[in-house]
C-alpha atoms as a PDB file:
ATOM      1  CA  MET A   1     -12.235  10.270  11.332  1.00  0.00           C
ATOM      2  CA  GLU A   2     -15.734  11.482  10.796  1.00  0.00           C
ATOM      3  CA  GLU A   3     -15.250  13.905   7.922  1.00  0.00           C
ATOM      4  CA  LYS A   4     -17.180  13.399   4.728  1.00  0.00           C
ATOM      5  CA  VAL A   5     -16.655  14.514   1.158  1.00  0.00           C
ATOM      6  CA  ASN A   6     -20.083  15.530  -0.189  1.00  0.00           C
ATOM      7  CA  THR A   7     -19.339  17.106  -3.579  1.00  0.00           C
ATOM      8  CA  LYS A   8     -16.715  17.249  -6.303  1.00  0.00           C
ATOM      9  CA  ALA A   9     -15.636  20.643  -4.887  1.00  0.00           C
ATOM     10  CA  ASP A  10     -14.999  18.976  -1.483  1.00  0.00           C
ATOM     11  CA  LEU A  11     -12.941  16.299  -3.234  1.00  0.00           C
ATOM     12  CA  ILE A  12     -10.815  18.908  -5.041  1.00  0.00           C
ATOM     13  CA  ARG A  13     -10.176  20.655  -1.705  1.00  0.00           C
ATOM     14  CA  LEU A  14      -9.093  17.294  -0.254  1.00  0.00           C
ATOM     15  CA  PHE A  15      -6.578  16.770  -3.079  1.00  0.00           C
ATOM     16  CA  PHE A  16      -5.002  20.158  -2.354  1.00  0.00           C
ATOM     17  CA  LEU A  17      -5.182  19.842   1.432  1.00  0.00           C
ATOM     18  CA  TYR A  18      -3.095  16.637   1.339  1.00  0.00           C
ATOM     19  CA  SER A  19      -1.015  17.472  -1.777  1.00  0.00           C
ATOM     20  CA  ALA A  20      -2.352  14.223  -3.223  1.00  0.00           C
ATOM     21  CA  ILE A  21      -2.432  13.300  -6.894  1.00  0.00           C
ATOM     22  CA  SER A  22      -4.722  10.313  -6.317  1.00  0.00           C
ATOM     23  CA  ILE A  23      -6.989   9.190  -3.492  1.00  0.00           C
ATOM     24  CA  PRO A  24      -7.772   5.528  -2.774  1.00  0.00           C
ATOM     25  CA  VAL A  25     -11.411   4.487  -2.510  1.00  0.00           C
ATOM     26  CA  VAL A  26     -12.158   1.408  -0.402  1.00  0.00           C
ATOM     27  CA  ASN A  27     -15.141  -0.903  -0.346  1.00  0.00           C
ATOM     28  CA  SER A  28     -17.095  -2.046   2.734  1.00  0.00           C
ATOM     29  CA  LYS A  29     -14.379  -4.647   3.508  1.00  0.00           C
ATOM     30  CA  LYS A  30     -11.747  -1.843   3.513  1.00  0.00           C
ATOM     31  CA  GLU A  31     -10.185  -3.281   0.334  1.00  0.00           C
ATOM     32  CA  ILE A  32      -8.974  -0.849  -2.316  1.00  0.00           C
ATOM     33  CA  ALA A  33     -11.713  -0.698  -4.956  1.00  0.00           C
ATOM     34  CA  GLY A  34      -9.915   1.925  -7.020  1.00  0.00           C
ATOM     35  CA  PHE A  35      -8.677   5.493  -6.903  1.00  0.00           C
ATOM     36  CA  LEU A  36      -9.698   8.976  -7.962  1.00  0.00           C
ATOM     37  CA  SER A  37      -7.170  10.985  -9.956  1.00  0.00           C
ATOM     38  CA  LYS A  38      -6.797  14.709  -9.273  1.00  0.00           C
ATOM     39  CA  GLN A  39      -6.046  15.312 -12.946  1.00  0.00           C
ATOM     40  CA  ASP A  40      -9.253  13.538 -14.073  1.00  0.00           C
ATOM     41  CA  ILE A  41     -11.423  15.281 -11.490  1.00  0.00           C
ATOM     42  CA  ILE A  42     -10.128  18.778 -12.270  1.00  0.00           C
ATOM     43  CA  ALA A  43     -10.276  18.215 -16.044  1.00  0.00           C
ATOM     44  CA  SER A  44     -13.956  17.283 -15.754  1.00  0.00           C
ATOM     45  CA  SER A  45     -14.867  20.371 -13.694  1.00  0.00           C
ATOM     46  CA  GLY A  46     -15.417  22.973 -16.385  1.00  0.00           C
ATOM     47  CA  MET A  47     -18.704  24.373 -15.126  1.00  0.00           C
ATOM     48  CA  MET A  48     -19.972  25.455 -11.718  1.00  0.00           C
ATOM     49  CA  GLU A  49     -22.645  22.749 -11.638  1.00  0.00           C
ATOM     50  CA  ASP A  50     -19.878  20.146 -12.112  1.00  0.00           C
ATOM     51  CA  LEU A  51     -18.403  21.223  -8.774  1.00  0.00           C
ATOM     52  CA  ASN A  52     -21.737  20.574  -7.030  1.00  0.00           C
ATOM     53  CA  MET A  53     -21.950  16.974  -8.303  1.00  0.00           C
ATOM     54  CA  GLY A  54     -22.496  14.525  -5.419  1.00  0.00           C
ATOM     55  CA  ILE A  55     -19.542  12.382  -4.388  1.00  0.00           C
ATOM     56  CA  GLN A  56     -21.243   9.056  -5.122  1.00  0.00           C
ATOM     57  CA  ARG A  57     -21.886  10.188  -8.680  1.00  0.00           C
ATOM     58  CA  VAL A  58     -18.269  11.410  -8.938  1.00  0.00           C
ATOM     59  CA  ILE A  59     -17.031   8.000  -7.798  1.00  0.00           C
ATOM     60  CA  GLU A  60     -19.416   6.268 -10.208  1.00  0.00           C
ATOM     61  CA  HIS A  61     -18.062   8.272 -13.173  1.00  0.00           C
ATOM     62  CA  HIS A  62     -14.376   8.691 -12.276  1.00  0.00           C
ATOM     63  CA  LEU A  63     -13.273   5.680 -10.233  1.00  0.00           C
ATOM     64  CA  ASN A  64     -10.202   4.036 -11.753  1.00  0.00           C
ATOM     65  CA  THR A  65     -10.634   0.408 -10.755  1.00  0.00           C
ATOM     66  CA  VAL A  66      -7.487  -1.516  -9.903  1.00  0.00           C
ATOM     67  CA  ASP A  67      -6.073  -4.871 -10.858  1.00  0.00           C
ATOM     68  CA  ARG A  68      -3.896  -6.145  -8.011  1.00  0.00           C
ATOM     69  CA  GLU A  69      -1.697  -8.028 -10.478  1.00  0.00           C
ATOM     70  CA  ASN A  70      -0.999  -4.809 -12.401  1.00  0.00           C
ATOM     71  CA  ILE A  71       1.785  -3.002 -10.542  1.00  0.00           C
ATOM     72  CA  ASN A  72       1.155   0.210 -12.547  1.00  0.00           C
ATOM     73  CA  SER A  73      -1.977   0.999 -10.503  1.00  0.00           C
ATOM     74  CA  LEU A  74      -0.019   0.635  -7.266  1.00  0.00           C
ATOM     75  CA  ASN A  75       2.794   2.782  -8.633  1.00  0.00           C
ATOM     76  CA  LEU A  76       0.296   5.543  -9.495  1.00  0.00           C
ATOM     77  CA  LEU A  77      -0.898   5.552  -5.885  1.00  0.00           C
ATOM     78  CA  LEU A  78       2.662   5.410  -4.515  1.00  0.00           C
ATOM     79  CA  GLN A  79       3.593   8.543  -6.487  1.00  0.00           C
ATOM     80  CA  ASN A  80       1.653  10.459  -3.836  1.00  0.00           C
ATOM     81  CA  PHE A  81       4.434   9.828  -1.347  1.00  0.00           C
ATOM     82  CA  SER A  82       6.975  11.847  -3.307  1.00  0.00           C
ATOM     83  CA  ARG A  83       4.888  14.876  -2.263  1.00  0.00           C
ATOM     84  CA  THR A  84       3.355  13.967   1.087  1.00  0.00           C
ATOM     85  CA  LYS A  85       3.669  11.520   3.984  1.00  0.00           C
ATOM     86  CA  LYS A  86      -0.043  10.648   4.286  1.00  0.00           C
ATOM     87  CA  ILE A  87      -2.975  10.493   1.901  1.00  0.00           C
ATOM     88  CA  PRO A  88      -6.681  10.426   2.727  1.00  0.00           C
ATOM     89  CA  VAL A  89      -8.718   7.290   2.115  1.00  0.00           C
ATOM     90  CA  ILE A  90     -12.430   7.491   1.385  1.00  0.00           C
ATOM     91  CA  ASP A  91     -15.164   4.897   1.205  1.00  0.00           C
ATOM     92  CA  GLN A  92     -17.639   4.631  -1.654  1.00  0.00           C
ATOM     93  CA  LYS A  93     -20.017   7.038   0.103  1.00  0.00           C
ATOM     94  CA  GLY A  94     -17.357   9.741   0.452  1.00  0.00           C
ATOM     95  CA  LYS A  95     -16.579   9.297   4.150  1.00  0.00           C
ATOM     96  CA  ILE A  96     -12.911   9.910   4.951  1.00  0.00           C
ATOM     97  CA  ILE A  97     -12.145   6.722   6.858  1.00  0.00           C
ATOM     98  CA  ASP A  98      -8.413   7.180   7.456  1.00  0.00           C
ATOM     99  CA  THR A  99      -5.130   8.629   6.263  1.00  0.00           C
ATOM    100  CA  TRP A 100      -2.515   6.158   5.082  1.00  0.00           C
ATOM    101  CA  GLN A 101       1.242   6.230   4.954  1.00  0.00           C
ATOM    102  CA  ARG A 102       3.112   4.372   2.218  1.00  0.00           C
ATOM    103  CA  GLY A 103       3.329   1.079   4.145  1.00  0.00           C
ATOM    104  CA  GLN A 104      -0.349   1.109   5.010  1.00  0.00           C
ATOM    105  CA  LEU A 105      -1.214   1.577   1.345  1.00  0.00           C
ATOM    106  CA  ILE A 106       1.017  -1.358   0.356  1.00  0.00           C
ATOM    107  CA  SER A 107      -0.519  -3.526   3.103  1.00  0.00           C
ATOM    108  CA  ALA A 108      -4.033  -2.666   1.916  1.00  0.00           C
ATOM    109  CA  TRP A 109      -3.011  -3.326  -1.695  1.00  0.00           C
ATOM    110  CA  GLU A 110      -1.696  -6.753  -0.740  1.00  0.00           C
ATOM    111  CA  GLY A 111      -4.873  -7.504   1.217  1.00  0.00           C
ATOM    112  CA  GLU A 112      -3.151  -7.614   4.590  1.00  0.00           C
ATOM    113  CA  GLU A 113      -4.796  -6.357   7.729  1.00  0.00           C
ATOM    114  CA  GLU A 114      -3.153  -3.245   9.085  1.00  0.00           C
ATOM    115  CA  THR A 115      -0.359  -4.255  11.452  1.00  0.00           C
ATOM    116  CA  LYS A 116       2.383  -2.667  13.494  1.00  0.00           C
ATOM    117  CA  TYR A 117       5.009  -3.606  10.895  1.00  0.00           C
ATOM    118  CA  PRO A 118       4.688  -0.478   8.706  1.00  0.00           C
ATOM    119  CA  ASP A 119       5.301   1.760  11.707  1.00  0.00           C
ATOM    120  CA  LEU A 120       8.356  -0.276  12.694  1.00  0.00           C
ATOM    121  CA  PHE A 121      10.038  -1.015   9.377  1.00  0.00           C
ATOM    122  CA  ASP A 122       8.763   1.183   6.527  1.00  0.00           C
ATOM    123  CA  LYS A 123      11.360   3.924   6.923  1.00  0.00           C
ATOM    124  CA  LEU A 124      14.347   1.569   7.117  1.00  0.00           C
ATOM    125  CA  LEU A 125      16.669   1.610   4.133  1.00  0.00           C
ATOM    126  CA  VAL A 126      17.321  -2.134   4.514  1.00  0.00           C
ATOM    127  CA  GLY A 127      14.848  -4.767   3.398  1.00  0.00           C
ATOM    128  CA  VAL A 128      12.740  -6.432   6.100  1.00  0.00           C
ATOM    129  CA  VAL A 129      10.432  -9.382   5.419  1.00  0.00           C
ATOM    130  CA  VAL A 130       8.132 -11.069   7.964  1.00  0.00           C
ATOM    131  CA  THR A 131       6.894 -14.600   7.255  1.00  0.00           C
ATOM    132  CA  ASP A 132       4.523 -16.984   8.970  1.00  0.00           C
ATOM    133  CA  THR A 133       5.525 -20.460  10.209  1.00  0.00           C
ATOM    134  CA  SER A 134       5.181 -21.932   6.713  1.00  0.00           C
ATOM    135  CA  GLY A 135       7.472 -19.315   5.143  1.00  0.00           C
ATOM    136  CA  LYS A 136       4.713 -17.277   3.476  1.00  0.00           C
ATOM    137  CA  ILE A 137       5.274 -13.516   3.418  1.00  0.00           C
ATOM    138  CA  VAL A 138       2.938 -11.555   5.693  1.00  0.00           C
ATOM    139  CA  TYR A 139       4.765  -8.203   5.399  1.00  0.00           C
ATOM    140  CA  LEU A 140       7.630  -6.621   3.493  1.00  0.00           C
ATOM    141  CA  ASN A 141       8.832  -3.053   3.748  1.00  0.00           C
ATOM    142  CA  PRO A 142       9.360  -0.832   0.667  1.00  0.00           C
ATOM    143  CA  ALA A 143      13.133  -1.510   0.621  1.00  0.00           C
ATOM    144  CA  ALA A 144      12.512  -5.277   0.467  1.00  0.00           C
ATOM    145  CA  ALA A 145       9.780  -4.831  -2.151  1.00  0.00           C
ATOM    146  CA  SER A 146      12.266  -2.999  -4.375  1.00  0.00           C
ATOM    147  CA  MET A 147      14.673  -5.986  -4.146  1.00  0.00           C
ATOM    148  CA  ALA A 148      12.065  -8.606  -5.067  1.00  0.00           C
ATOM    149  CA  THR A 149      12.742 -10.538  -8.253  1.00  0.00           C
ATOM    150  CA  GLU A 150       9.055 -11.336  -8.708  1.00  0.00           C
ATOM    151  CA  LYS A 151       6.608  -8.569  -9.625  1.00  0.00           C
ATOM    152  CA  GLY A 152       2.933  -8.507  -8.664  1.00  0.00           C
ATOM    153  CA  LYS A 153       1.471  -9.646  -5.361  1.00  0.00           C
ATOM    154  CA  LYS A 154       4.103 -10.746  -2.859  1.00  0.00           C
ATOM    155  CA  LYS A 155       2.207 -11.278   0.376  1.00  0.00           C
ATOM    156  CA  GLY A 156       0.921 -14.788   0.907  1.00  0.00           C
ATOM    157  CA  ARG A 157       3.637 -16.236  -1.323  1.00  0.00           C
ATOM    158  CA  ASN A 158       6.690 -18.206  -0.248  1.00  0.00           C
ATOM    159  CA  LEU A 159       9.857 -16.217   0.325  1.00  0.00           C
ATOM    160  CA  SER A 160      11.748 -18.264  -2.279  1.00  0.00           C
ATOM    161  CA  GLU A 161       9.127 -17.415  -4.950  1.00  0.00           C
ATOM    162  CA  VAL A 162       9.635 -13.678  -4.498  1.00  0.00           C
ATOM    163  CA  PHE A 163      13.365 -13.418  -3.714  1.00  0.00           C
ATOM    164  CA  LEU A 164      16.372 -15.284  -5.089  1.00  0.00           C
ATOM    165  CA  VAL A 165      17.343 -16.655  -1.706  1.00  0.00           C
ATOM    166  CA  ASN A 166      17.737 -20.078  -0.122  1.00  0.00           C
ATOM    167  CA  LEU A 167      17.941 -19.856   3.655  1.00  0.00           C
ATOM    168  CA  GLU A 168      18.748 -23.550   4.007  1.00  0.00           C
ATOM    169  CA  LEU A 169      22.002 -22.984   2.109  1.00  0.00           C
ATOM    170  CA  GLU A 170      22.879 -19.436   3.148  1.00  0.00           C
ATOM    171  CA  PRO A 171      21.664 -18.559   6.662  1.00  0.00           C
ATOM    172  CA  ILE A 172      23.551 -15.624   8.118  1.00  0.00           C
ATOM    173  CA  LEU A 173      22.028 -14.945  11.529  1.00  0.00           C
ATOM    174  CA  ASN A 174      19.601 -17.778  12.276  1.00  0.00           C
ATOM    175  CA  LYS A 175      19.036 -16.441  15.818  1.00  0.00           C
ATOM    176  CA  LYS A 176      15.996 -17.616  17.762  1.00  0.00           C
ATOM    177  CA  VAL A 177      14.323 -15.281  20.257  1.00  0.00           C
ATOM    178  CA  GLY A 178      11.154 -16.660  21.806  1.00  0.00           C
ATOM    179  CA  ASN A 179       9.074 -18.068  18.957  1.00  0.00           C
ATOM    180  CA  LEU A 180      10.730 -15.806  16.350  1.00  0.00           C
ATOM    181  CA  ILE A 181      13.725 -16.650  14.186  1.00  0.00           C
ATOM    182  CA  PHE A 182      15.771 -13.693  12.951  1.00  0.00           C
ATOM    183  CA  ASP A 183      17.724 -14.269   9.782  1.00  0.00           C
ATOM    184  CA  ALA A 184      19.375 -12.404   6.946  1.00  0.00           C
ATOM    185  CA  ALA A 185      19.990 -13.321   3.339  1.00  0.00           C
ATOM    186  CA  PRO A 186      22.457 -11.791   0.869  1.00  0.00           C
ATOM    187  CA  MET A 187      20.908 -10.245  -2.220  1.00  0.00           C
ATOM    188  CA  VAL A 188      22.360  -8.583  -5.308  1.00  0.00           C
ATOM    189  CA  ASP A 189      21.051  -5.220  -4.014  1.00  0.00           C
ATOM    190  CA  GLY A 190      22.144  -5.757  -0.407  1.00  0.00           C
ATOM    191  CA  VAL A 191      20.784  -7.878   2.421  1.00  0.00           C
ATOM    192  CA  ILE A 192      17.207  -8.605   3.430  1.00  0.00           C
ATOM    193  CA  TYR A 193      16.434  -9.249   7.072  1.00  0.00           C
ATOM    194  CA  ILE A 194      13.847 -11.922   7.665  1.00  0.00           C
ATOM    195  CA  ILE A 195      11.698 -12.451  10.743  1.00  0.00           C
ATOM    196  CA  ARG A 196      10.144 -15.910  10.733  1.00  0.00           C
ATOM    197  CA  LYS A 197       7.579 -17.132  13.201  1.00  0.00           C
ATOM    198  CA  GLY A 198       8.891 -20.358  14.750  1.00  0.00           C
ATOM    199  CA  GLU A 199       6.805 -23.413  15.475  1.00  0.00           C
END
């Protein structure tokens, strides 16, 4: 994507083009630095000269910074997906670097590199969790995230810290295929399917 948002007017058009209520802004490492709220931007656009304000100045004045431990910021961004399937992502200079689906936003929020998992598992209604060889979560789909007993950051944490599950006592599938172990664990809200990388 090579498009660029130059002014506040361009940003307002972008909100309406994507039916977005907030747009993530990423830093040079592609980490979410914060988001711009459509409501804030429109409310501050009372005069014509406001619409011509440069995007870097808009970001400077209106960026809502995020705290990764505060789930409310993530929830504000996720509200976009009740209206649209993809939202634009801009860098701090206003360049539109990508459009994200829900799973890509969650992966970026958790600090995970973009993977193939969102495309494979995000739309499933059952929970899917992928862990590394040590049992640390590297991906979880939205259904699994909604079943987690622990709030806040989930990726990089042990499965047992985030979910009330003990695979040593309650394995259901425990099937090995290549270097992957496929398992399932009963939960109060259903079953989560776990893909563990074997040793």
